[in-house]
Amino acid sequence: SAISVSSQSTLTIDGDDVTVKADFTYGSHQFSTDSSRA
């Protein structure tokens, strides 16, 4: 994940111009499982 939120934390995304993204592959690299999360 790009950002992970756990039990004692609070996260607010406030604004249309914020982008959070995650990739499964980049360049010549590719991972064995498709578990990318924003």
PDB file of all heavy atoms in Angstrom:
ATOM      1  N   SER A   1       0.822  -1.209   0.000  1.00  0.00           N
ATOM      2  CA  SER A   1       0.000   0.000   0.000  1.00  0.00           C
ATOM      3  C   SER A   1       0.856   1.260   0.000  1.00  0.00           C
ATOM      4  O   SER A   1       1.928   1.294   0.605  1.00  0.00           O
ATOM      5  CB  SER A   1      -0.896   0.028   1.247  1.00  0.00           C
ATOM      6  OG  SER A   1      -1.609  -1.172   1.373  1.00  0.00           O
ATOM      7  N   ALA A   2       0.339   2.292  -0.660  1.00  0.00           N
ATOM      8  CA  ALA A   2       0.998   3.586  -0.555  1.00  0.00           C
ATOM      9  C   ALA A   2       0.868   4.120   0.873  1.00  0.00           C
ATOM     10  O   ALA A   2       1.828   4.617   1.451  1.00  0.00           O
ATOM     11  CB  ALA A   2       0.403   4.566  -1.559  1.00  0.00           C
ATOM     12  N   ILE A   3      -0.334   3.992   1.450  1.00  0.00           N
ATOM     13  CA  ILE A   3      -0.588   4.433   2.829  1.00  0.00           C
ATOM     14  C   ILE A   3      -1.335   3.325   3.561  1.00  0.00           C
ATOM     15  O   ILE A   3      -2.305   2.773   3.039  1.00  0.00           O
ATOM     16  CB  ILE A   3      -1.431   5.719   2.881  1.00  0.00           C
ATOM     17  CG1 ILE A   3      -0.810   6.827   2.014  1.00  0.00           C
ATOM     18  CG2 ILE A   3      -1.577   6.213   4.324  1.00  0.00           C
ATOM     19  CD1 ILE A   3      -1.668   8.069   1.894  1.00  0.00           C
ATOM     20  N   SER A   4      -0.890   3.011   4.770  1.00  0.00           N
ATOM     21  CA  SER A   4      -1.620   2.050   5.600  1.00  0.00           C
ATOM     22  C   SER A   4      -2.101   2.744   6.866  1.00  0.00           C
ATOM     23  O   SER A   4      -1.392   3.569   7.443  1.00  0.00           O
ATOM     24  CB  SER A   4      -0.732   0.854   5.961  1.00  0.00           C
ATOM     25  OG  SER A   4       0.329   1.244   6.809  1.00  0.00           O
ATOM     26  N   VAL A   5      -3.317   2.415   7.282  1.00  0.00           N
ATOM     27  CA  VAL A   5      -3.935   3.014   8.462  1.00  0.00           C
ATOM     28  C   VAL A   5      -4.187   1.900   9.476  1.00  0.00           C
ATOM     29  O   VAL A   5      -4.803   0.888   9.145  1.00  0.00           O
ATOM     30  CB  VAL A   5      -5.266   3.707   8.114  1.00  0.00           C
ATOM     31  CG1 VAL A   5      -5.862   4.386   9.341  1.00  0.00           C
ATOM     32  CG2 VAL A   5      -5.058   4.717   6.981  1.00  0.00           C
ATOM     33  N   SER A   6      -3.719   2.091  10.719  1.00  0.00           N
ATOM     34  CA  SER A   6      -3.880   1.053  11.741  1.00  0.00           C
ATOM     35  C   SER A   6      -4.744   1.560  12.892  1.00  0.00           C
ATOM     36  O   SER A   6      -5.237   2.693  12.879  1.00  0.00           O
ATOM     37  CB  SER A   6      -2.513   0.593  12.257  1.00  0.00           C
ATOM     38  OG  SER A   6      -1.795   1.678  12.801  1.00  0.00           O
ATOM     39  N   SER A   7      -4.904   0.739  13.917  1.00  0.00           N
ATOM     40  CA  SER A   7      -5.951   0.920  14.920  1.00  0.00           C
ATOM     41  C   SER A   7      -5.879   2.213  15.728  1.00  0.00           C
ATOM     42  O   SER A   7      -6.895   2.703  16.194  1.00  0.00           O
ATOM     43  CB  SER A   7      -5.952  -0.266  15.885  1.00  0.00           C
ATOM     44  OG  SER A   7      -4.702  -0.369  16.544  1.00  0.00           O
ATOM     45  N   GLN A   8      -4.711   2.777  15.934  1.00  0.00           N
ATOM     46  CA  GLN A   8      -4.594   3.968  16.769  1.00  0.00           C
ATOM     47  C   GLN A   8      -4.375   5.242  15.955  1.00  0.00           C
ATOM     48  O   GLN A   8      -3.881   6.236  16.473  1.00  0.00           O
ATOM     49  CB  GLN A   8      -3.446   3.800  17.762  1.00  0.00           C
ATOM     50  CG  GLN A   8      -3.612   2.616  18.703  1.00  0.00           C
ATOM     51  CD  GLN A   8      -2.499   2.538  19.721  1.00  0.00           C
ATOM     52  OE1 GLN A   8      -2.345   3.407  20.581  1.00  0.00           O
ATOM     53  NE2 GLN A   8      -1.708   1.488  19.630  1.00  0.00           N
ATOM     54  N   SER A   9      -4.756   5.215  14.704  1.00  0.00           N
ATOM     55  CA  SER A   9      -4.477   6.361  13.838  1.00  0.00           C
ATOM     56  C   SER A   9      -5.724   6.825  13.096  1.00  0.00           C
ATOM     57  O   SER A   9      -6.674   6.071  12.898  1.00  0.00           O
ATOM     58  CB  SER A   9      -3.382   6.003  12.829  1.00  0.00           C
ATOM     59  OG  SER A   9      -3.771   4.897  12.037  1.00  0.00           O
ATOM     60  N   THR A  10      -5.689   8.077  12.683  1.00  0.00           N
ATOM     61  CA  THR A  10      -6.765   8.683  11.897  1.00  0.00           C
ATOM     62  C   THR A  10      -6.163   9.387  10.697  1.00  0.00           C
ATOM     63  O   THR A  10      -5.265  10.217  10.838  1.00  0.00           O
ATOM     64  CB  THR A  10      -7.556   9.706  12.736  1.00  0.00           C
ATOM     65  OG1 THR A  10      -8.178   9.048  13.837  1.00  0.00           O
ATOM     66  CG2 THR A  10      -8.627  10.387  11.892  1.00  0.00           C
ATOM     67  N   LEU A  11      -6.636   9.050   9.520  1.00  0.00           N
ATOM     68  CA  LEU A  11      -6.152   9.663   8.282  1.00  0.00           C
ATOM     69  C   LEU A  11      -7.303  10.338   7.565  1.00  0.00           C
ATOM     70  O   LEU A  11      -8.368   9.738   7.376  1.00  0.00           O
ATOM     71  CB  LEU A  11      -5.529   8.613   7.367  1.00  0.00           C
ATOM     72  CG  LEU A  11      -5.138   9.097   5.951  1.00  0.00           C
ATOM     73  CD1 LEU A  11      -4.005  10.127   6.025  1.00  0.00           C
ATOM     74  CD2 LEU A  11      -4.749   7.926   5.064  1.00  0.00           C
ATOM     75  N   THR A  12      -7.093  11.587   7.162  1.00  0.00           N
ATOM     76  CA  THR A  12      -8.069  12.321   6.358  1.00  0.00           C
ATOM     77  C   THR A  12      -7.405  12.777   5.073  1.00  0.00           C
ATOM     78  O   THR A  12      -6.328  13.394   5.111  1.00  0.00           O
ATOM     79  CB  THR A  12      -8.614  13.544   7.110  1.00  0.00           C
ATOM     80  OG1 THR A  12      -9.239  13.121   8.320  1.00  0.00           O
ATOM     81  CG2 THR A  12      -9.623  14.300   6.266  1.00  0.00           C
ATOM     82  N   ILE A  13      -8.010  12.464   3.942  1.00  0.00           N
ATOM     83  CA  ILE A  13      -7.585  13.000   2.649  1.00  0.00           C
ATOM     84  C   ILE A  13      -8.535  14.137   2.326  1.00  0.00           C
ATOM     85  O   ILE A  13      -9.729  13.913   2.138  1.00  0.00           O
ATOM     86  CB  ILE A  13      -7.620  11.942   1.537  1.00  0.00           C
ATOM     87  CG1 ILE A  13      -6.828  10.693   1.935  1.00  0.00           C
ATOM     88  CG2 ILE A  13      -7.106  12.531   0.235  1.00  0.00           C
ATOM     89  CD1 ILE A  13      -5.347  10.903   2.072  1.00  0.00           C
ATOM     90  N   ASP A  14      -8.028  15.349   2.280  1.00  0.00           N
ATOM     91  CA  ASP A  14      -8.879  16.528   2.166  1.00  0.00           C
ATOM     92  C   ASP A  14      -8.496  17.336   0.935  1.00  0.00           C
ATOM     93  O   ASP A  14      -7.598  18.170   0.986  1.00  0.00           O
ATOM     94  CB  ASP A  14      -8.756  17.381   3.431  1.00  0.00           C
ATOM     95  CG  ASP A  14      -9.793  18.491   3.492  1.00  0.00           C
ATOM     96  OD1 ASP A  14     -10.690  18.498   2.619  1.00  0.00           O
ATOM     97  OD2 ASP A  14      -9.713  19.338   4.390  1.00  0.00           O
ATOM     98  N   GLY A  15      -9.169  17.072  -0.178  1.00  0.00           N
ATOM     99  CA  GLY A  15      -8.906  17.873  -1.372  1.00  0.00           C
ATOM    100  C   GLY A  15      -8.949  17.049  -2.640  1.00  0.00           C
ATOM    101  O   GLY A  15      -8.467  15.913  -2.679  1.00  0.00           O
ATOM    102  N   ASP A  16      -9.544  17.626  -3.702  1.00  0.00           N
ATOM    103  CA  ASP A  16      -9.669  16.928  -4.975  1.00  0.00           C
ATOM    104  C   ASP A  16      -8.344  16.780  -5.700  1.00  0.00           C
ATOM    105  O   ASP A  16      -8.237  15.985  -6.643  1.00  0.00           O
ATOM    106  CB  ASP A  16     -10.657  17.683  -5.880  1.00  0.00           C
ATOM    107  CG  ASP A  16     -12.078  17.627  -5.343  1.00  0.00           C
ATOM    108  OD1 ASP A  16     -12.393  16.662  -4.610  1.00  0.00           O
ATOM    109  OD2 ASP A  16     -12.862  18.548  -5.639  1.00  0.00           O
ATOM    110  N   ASP A  17      -7.330  17.539  -5.311  1.00  0.00           N
ATOM    111  CA  ASP A  17      -6.060  17.530  -6.031  1.00  0.00           C
ATOM    112  C   ASP A  17      -5.045  16.554  -5.446  1.00  0.00           C
ATOM    113  O   ASP A  17      -3.903  16.506  -5.892  1.00  0.00           O
ATOM    114  CB  ASP A  17      -5.448  18.939  -6.047  1.00  0.00           C
ATOM    115  CG  ASP A  17      -6.299  19.918  -6.845  1.00  0.00           C
ATOM    116  OD1 ASP A  17      -6.912  19.488  -7.840  1.00  0.00           O
ATOM    117  OD2 ASP A  17      -6.336  21.107  -6.487  1.00  0.00           O
ATOM    118  N   VAL A  18      -5.444  15.783  -4.429  1.00  0.00           N
ATOM    119  CA  VAL A  18      -4.562  14.771  -3.857  1.00  0.00           C
ATOM    120  C   VAL A  18      -4.710  13.476  -4.656  1.00  0.00           C
ATOM    121  O   VAL A  18      -5.821  13.016  -4.911  1.00  0.00           O
ATOM    122  CB  VAL A  18      -4.892  14.503  -2.377  1.00  0.00           C
ATOM    123  CG1 VAL A  18      -4.026  13.372  -1.827  1.00  0.00           C
ATOM    124  CG2 VAL A  18      -4.701  15.765  -1.549  1.00  0.00           C
ATOM    125  N   THR A  19      -3.580  12.890  -5.044  1.00  0.00           N
ATOM    126  CA  THR A  19      -3.583  11.608  -5.758  1.00  0.00           C
ATOM    127  C   THR A  19      -2.771  10.597  -4.969  1.00  0.00           C
ATOM    128  O   THR A  19      -1.639  10.875  -4.558  1.00  0.00           O
ATOM    129  CB  THR A  19      -2.982  11.750  -7.171  1.00  0.00           C
ATOM    130  OG1 THR A  19      -3.780  12.655  -7.940  1.00  0.00           O
ATOM    131  CG2 THR A  19      -2.942  10.400  -7.881  1.00  0.00           C
ATOM    132  N   VAL A  20      -3.356   9.415  -4.742  1.00  0.00           N
ATOM    133  CA  VAL A  20      -2.652   8.311  -4.092  1.00  0.00           C
ATOM    134  C   VAL A  20      -2.721   7.120  -5.035  1.00  0.00           C
ATOM    135  O   VAL A  20      -3.822   6.691  -5.408  1.00  0.00           O
ATOM    136  CB  VAL A  20      -3.276   7.948  -2.727  1.00  0.00           C
ATOM    137  CG1 VAL A  20      -2.462   6.838  -2.060  1.00  0.00           C
ATOM    138  CG2 VAL A  20      -3.346   9.173  -1.824  1.00  0.00           C
ATOM    139  N   LYS A  21      -1.569   6.608  -5.437  1.00  0.00           N
ATOM    140  CA  LYS A  21      -1.592   5.509  -6.404  1.00  0.00           C
ATOM    141  C   LYS A  21      -0.521   4.477  -6.094  1.00  0.00           C
ATOM    142  O   LYS A  21       0.476   4.758  -5.436  1.00  0.00           O
ATOM    143  CB  LYS A  21      -1.417   6.038  -7.833  1.00  0.00           C
ATOM    144  CG  LYS A  21      -0.082   6.707  -8.118  1.00  0.00           C
ATOM    145  CD  LYS A  21      -0.029   7.173  -9.565  1.00  0.00           C
ATOM    146  CE  LYS A  21       1.319   7.794  -9.917  1.00  0.00           C
ATOM    147  NZ  LYS A  21       1.402   8.180 -11.339  1.00  0.00           N
ATOM    148  N   ALA A  22      -0.765   3.245  -6.574  1.00  0.00           N
ATOM    149  CA  ALA A  22       0.158   2.140  -6.353  1.00  0.00           C
ATOM    150  C   ALA A  22       0.287   1.342  -7.649  1.00  0.00           C
ATOM    151  O   ALA A  22      -0.673   1.201  -8.405  1.00  0.00           O
ATOM    152  CB  ALA A  22      -0.342   1.242  -5.227  1.00  0.00           C
ATOM    153  N   ASP A  23       1.481   0.807  -7.896  1.00  0.00           N
ATOM    154  CA  ASP A  23       1.744   0.023  -9.094  1.00  0.00           C
ATOM    155  C   ASP A  23       2.088  -1.415  -8.736  1.00  0.00           C
ATOM    156  O   ASP A  23       2.618  -1.697  -7.660  1.00  0.00           O
ATOM    157  CB  ASP A  23       2.911   0.622  -9.883  1.00  0.00           C
ATOM    158  CG  ASP A  23       2.452   1.710 -10.834  1.00  0.00           C
ATOM    159  OD1 ASP A  23       1.236   1.820 -11.048  1.00  0.00           O
ATOM    160  OD2 ASP A  23       3.305   2.442 -11.355  1.00  0.00           O
ATOM    161  N   PHE A  24       1.800  -2.299  -9.677  1.00  0.00           N
ATOM    162  CA  PHE A  24       2.178  -3.696  -9.549  1.00  0.00           C
ATOM    163  C   PHE A  24       3.489  -3.947 -10.273  1.00  0.00           C
ATOM    164  O   PHE A  24       4.274  -4.809  -9.918  1.00  0.00           O
ATOM    165  CB  PHE A  24       1.053  -4.564 -10.122  1.00  0.00           C
ATOM    166  CG  PHE A  24       1.377  -6.033 -10.240  1.00  0.00           C
ATOM    167  CD1 PHE A  24       1.883  -6.738  -9.159  1.00  0.00           C
ATOM    168  CD2 PHE A  24       1.159  -6.703 -11.423  1.00  0.00           C
ATOM    169  CE1 PHE A  24       2.173  -8.087  -9.263  1.00  0.00           C
ATOM    170  CE2 PHE A  24       1.438  -8.055 -11.532  1.00  0.00           C
ATOM    171  CZ  PHE A  24       1.948  -8.741 -10.457  1.00  0.00           C
ATOM    172  N   THR A  25       3.729  -3.194 -11.305  1.00  0.00           N
ATOM    173  CA  THR A  25       4.974  -3.311 -12.057  1.00  0.00           C
ATOM    174  C   THR A  25       5.559  -1.931 -12.266  1.00  0.00           C
ATOM    175  O   THR A  25       4.859  -0.919 -12.278  1.00  0.00           O
ATOM    176  CB  THR A  25       4.736  -3.940 -13.443  1.00  0.00           C
ATOM    177  OG1 THR A  25       3.852  -3.095 -14.188  1.00  0.00           O
ATOM    178  CG2 THR A  25       4.139  -5.324 -13.322  1.00  0.00           C
ATOM    179  N   TYR A  26       6.863  -1.875 -12.398  1.00  0.00           N
ATOM    180  CA  TYR A  26       7.531  -0.629 -12.754  1.00  0.00           C
ATOM    181  C   TYR A  26       8.821  -0.994 -13.446  1.00  0.00           C
ATOM    182  O   TYR A  26       9.533  -1.913 -13.054  1.00  0.00           O
ATOM    183  CB  TYR A  26       7.788   0.237 -11.519  1.00  0.00           C
ATOM    184  CG  TYR A  26       8.772  -0.368 -10.556  1.00  0.00           C
ATOM    185  CD1 TYR A  26      10.110   0.002 -10.582  1.00  0.00           C
ATOM    186  CD2 TYR A  26       8.362  -1.324  -9.625  1.00  0.00           C
ATOM    187  CE1 TYR A  26      11.017  -0.568  -9.705  1.00  0.00           C
ATOM    188  CE2 TYR A  26       9.257  -1.894  -8.759  1.00  0.00           C
ATOM    189  CZ  TYR A  26      10.586  -1.516  -8.794  1.00  0.00           C
ATOM    190  OH  TYR A  26      11.485  -2.085  -7.942  1.00  0.00           O
ATOM    191  N   GLY A  27       9.107  -0.307 -14.529  1.00  0.00           N
ATOM    192  CA  GLY A  27      10.332  -0.596 -15.269  1.00  0.00           C
ATOM    193  C   GLY A  27      10.366  -2.056 -15.697  1.00  0.00           C
ATOM    194  O   GLY A  27       9.418  -2.593 -16.265  1.00  0.00           O
ATOM    195  N   SER A  28      11.451  -2.740 -15.384  1.00  0.00           N
ATOM    196  CA  SER A  28      11.612  -4.148 -15.744  1.00  0.00           C
ATOM    197  C   SER A  28      11.205  -5.084 -14.618  1.00  0.00           C
ATOM    198  O   SER A  28      11.328  -6.296 -14.726  1.00  0.00           O
ATOM    199  CB  SER A  28      13.075  -4.424 -16.117  1.00  0.00           C
ATOM    200  OG  SER A  28      13.928  -4.149 -15.007  1.00  0.00           O
ATOM    201  N   HIS A  29      10.703  -4.531 -13.499  1.00  0.00           N
ATOM    202  CA  HIS A  29      10.370  -5.334 -12.332  1.00  0.00           C
ATOM    203  C   HIS A  29       8.882  -5.688 -12.317  1.00  0.00           C
ATOM    204  O   HIS A  29       8.030  -4.889 -12.657  1.00  0.00           O
ATOM    205  CB  HIS A  29      10.716  -4.579 -11.048  1.00  0.00           C
ATOM    206  CG  HIS A  29      12.135  -4.118 -11.004  1.00  0.00           C
ATOM    207  ND1 HIS A  29      13.205  -4.977 -10.902  1.00  0.00           N
ATOM    208  CD2 HIS A  29      12.669  -2.879 -11.064  1.00  0.00           C
ATOM    209  CE1 HIS A  29      14.324  -4.291 -10.896  1.00  0.00           C
ATOM    210  NE2 HIS A  29      14.029  -3.012 -11.009  1.00  0.00           N
ATOM    211  N   GLN A  30       8.579  -6.901 -11.893  1.00  0.00           N
ATOM    212  CA  GLN A  30       7.193  -7.315 -11.712  1.00  0.00           C
ATOM    213  C   GLN A  30       7.135  -8.267 -10.526  1.00  0.00           C
ATOM    214  O   GLN A  30       7.958  -9.167 -10.397  1.00  0.00           O
ATOM    215  CB  GLN A  30       6.641  -8.006 -12.960  1.00  0.00           C
ATOM    216  CG  GLN A  30       5.183  -8.440 -12.794  1.00  0.00           C
ATOM    217  CD  GLN A  30       4.543  -8.819 -14.118  1.00  0.00           C
ATOM    218  OE1 GLN A  30       4.860  -8.258 -15.143  1.00  0.00           O
ATOM    219  NE2 GLN A  30       3.635  -9.765 -14.088  1.00  0.00           N
ATOM    220  N   PHE A  31       6.156  -8.061  -9.653  1.00  0.00           N
ATOM    221  CA  PHE A  31       6.052  -8.880  -8.456  1.00  0.00           C
ATOM    222  C   PHE A  31       5.150 -10.079  -8.701  1.00  0.00           C
ATOM    223  O   PHE A  31       4.347 -10.108  -9.634  1.00  0.00           O
ATOM    224  CB  PHE A  31       5.542  -8.034  -7.285  1.00  0.00           C
ATOM    225  CG  PHE A  31       6.511  -6.965  -6.883  1.00  0.00           C
ATOM    226  CD1 PHE A  31       6.344  -5.645  -7.290  1.00  0.00           C
ATOM    227  CD2 PHE A  31       7.626  -7.277  -6.125  1.00  0.00           C
ATOM    228  CE1 PHE A  31       7.251  -4.673  -6.938  1.00  0.00           C
ATOM    229  CE2 PHE A  31       8.539  -6.313  -5.762  1.00  0.00           C
ATOM    230  CZ  PHE A  31       8.355  -5.000  -6.160  1.00  0.00           C
ATOM    231  N   SER A  32       5.275 -11.075  -7.821  1.00  0.00           N
ATOM    232  CA  SER A  32       4.606 -12.353  -8.040  1.00  0.00           C
ATOM    233  C   SER A  32       3.126 -12.326  -7.699  1.00  0.00           C
ATOM    234  O   SER A  32       2.376 -13.189  -8.138  1.00  0.00           O
ATOM    235  CB  SER A  32       5.299 -13.441  -7.211  1.00  0.00           C
ATOM    236  OG  SER A  32       5.283 -13.096  -5.830  1.00  0.00           O
ATOM    237  N   THR A  33       2.688 -11.363  -6.905  1.00  0.00           N
ATOM    238  CA  THR A  33       1.272 -11.264  -6.554  1.00  0.00           C
ATOM    239  C   THR A  33       0.762  -9.855  -6.798  1.00  0.00           C
ATOM    240  O   THR A  33       1.498  -8.884  -6.650  1.00  0.00           O
ATOM    241  CB  THR A  33       1.040 -11.623  -5.072  1.00  0.00           C
ATOM    242  OG1 THR A  33       1.861 -10.786  -4.249  1.00  0.00           O
ATOM    243  CG2 THR A  33       1.396 -13.069  -4.806  1.00  0.00           C
ATOM    244  N   ASP A  34      -0.497  -9.761  -7.171  1.00  0.00           N
ATOM    245  CA  ASP A  34      -1.070  -8.456  -7.526  1.00  0.00           C
ATOM    246  C   ASP A  34      -1.712  -7.820  -6.298  1.00  0.00           C
ATOM    247  O   ASP A  34      -2.924  -7.765  -6.174  1.00  0.00           O
ATOM    248  CB  ASP A  34      -2.081  -8.601  -8.657  1.00  0.00           C
ATOM    249  CG  ASP A  34      -3.174  -9.598  -8.334  1.00  0.00           C
ATOM    250  OD1 ASP A  34      -3.001 -10.355  -7.370  1.00  0.00           O
ATOM    251  OD2 ASP A  34      -4.188  -9.585  -9.040  1.00  0.00           O
ATOM    252  N   SER A  35      -0.896  -7.338  -5.394  1.00  0.00           N
ATOM    253  CA  SER A  35      -1.436  -6.815  -4.132  1.00  0.00           C
ATOM    254  C   SER A  35      -1.115  -5.345  -3.923  1.00  0.00           C
ATOM    255  O   SER A  35      -0.903  -4.910  -2.803  1.00  0.00           O
ATOM    256  CB  SER A  35      -0.905  -7.635  -2.948  1.00  0.00           C
ATOM    257  OG  SER A  35       0.503  -7.611  -2.937  1.00  0.00           O
ATOM    258  N   SER A  36      -1.048  -4.595  -4.991  1.00  0.00           N
ATOM    259  CA  SER A  36      -0.839  -3.162  -4.831  1.00  0.00           C
ATOM    260  C   SER A  36      -2.138  -2.501  -4.383  1.00  0.00           C
ATOM    261  O   SER A  36      -3.221  -2.843  -4.841  1.00  0.00           O
ATOM    262  CB  SER A  36      -0.340  -2.533  -6.138  1.00  0.00           C
ATOM    263  OG  SER A  36      -1.310  -2.672  -7.151  1.00  0.00           O
ATOM    264  N   ARG A  37      -2.032  -1.568  -3.427  1.00  0.00           N
ATOM    265  CA  ARG A  37      -3.191  -0.835  -2.926  1.00  0.00           C
ATOM    266  C   ARG A  37      -2.820   0.625  -2.743  1.00  0.00           C
ATOM    267  O   ARG A  37      -1.706   0.928  -2.300  1.00  0.00           O
ATOM    268  CB  ARG A  37      -3.654  -1.379  -1.561  1.00  0.00           C
ATOM    269  CG  ARG A  37      -4.351  -2.703  -1.600  1.00  0.00           C
ATOM    270  CD  ARG A  37      -3.419  -3.855  -1.361  1.00  0.00           C
ATOM    271  NE  ARG A  37      -2.920  -3.865   0.013  1.00  0.00           N
ATOM    272  CZ  ARG A  37      -1.873  -4.617   0.402  1.00  0.00           C
ATOM    273  NH1 ARG A  37      -1.230  -5.364  -0.463  1.00  0.00           N
ATOM    274  NH2 ARG A  37      -1.478  -4.608   1.655  1.00  0.00           N
ATOM    275  N   ALA A  38      -3.740   1.507  -3.063  1.00  0.00           N
ATOM    276  CA  ALA A  38      -3.489   2.920  -2.790  1.00  0.00           C
ATOM    277  C   ALA A  38      -3.521   3.146  -1.280  1.00  0.00           C
ATOM    278  O   ALA A  38      -2.596   3.702  -0.697  1.00  0.00           O
ATOM    279  CB  ALA A  38      -4.500   3.803  -3.495  1.00  0.00           C
TER     280      ALA A  38
END
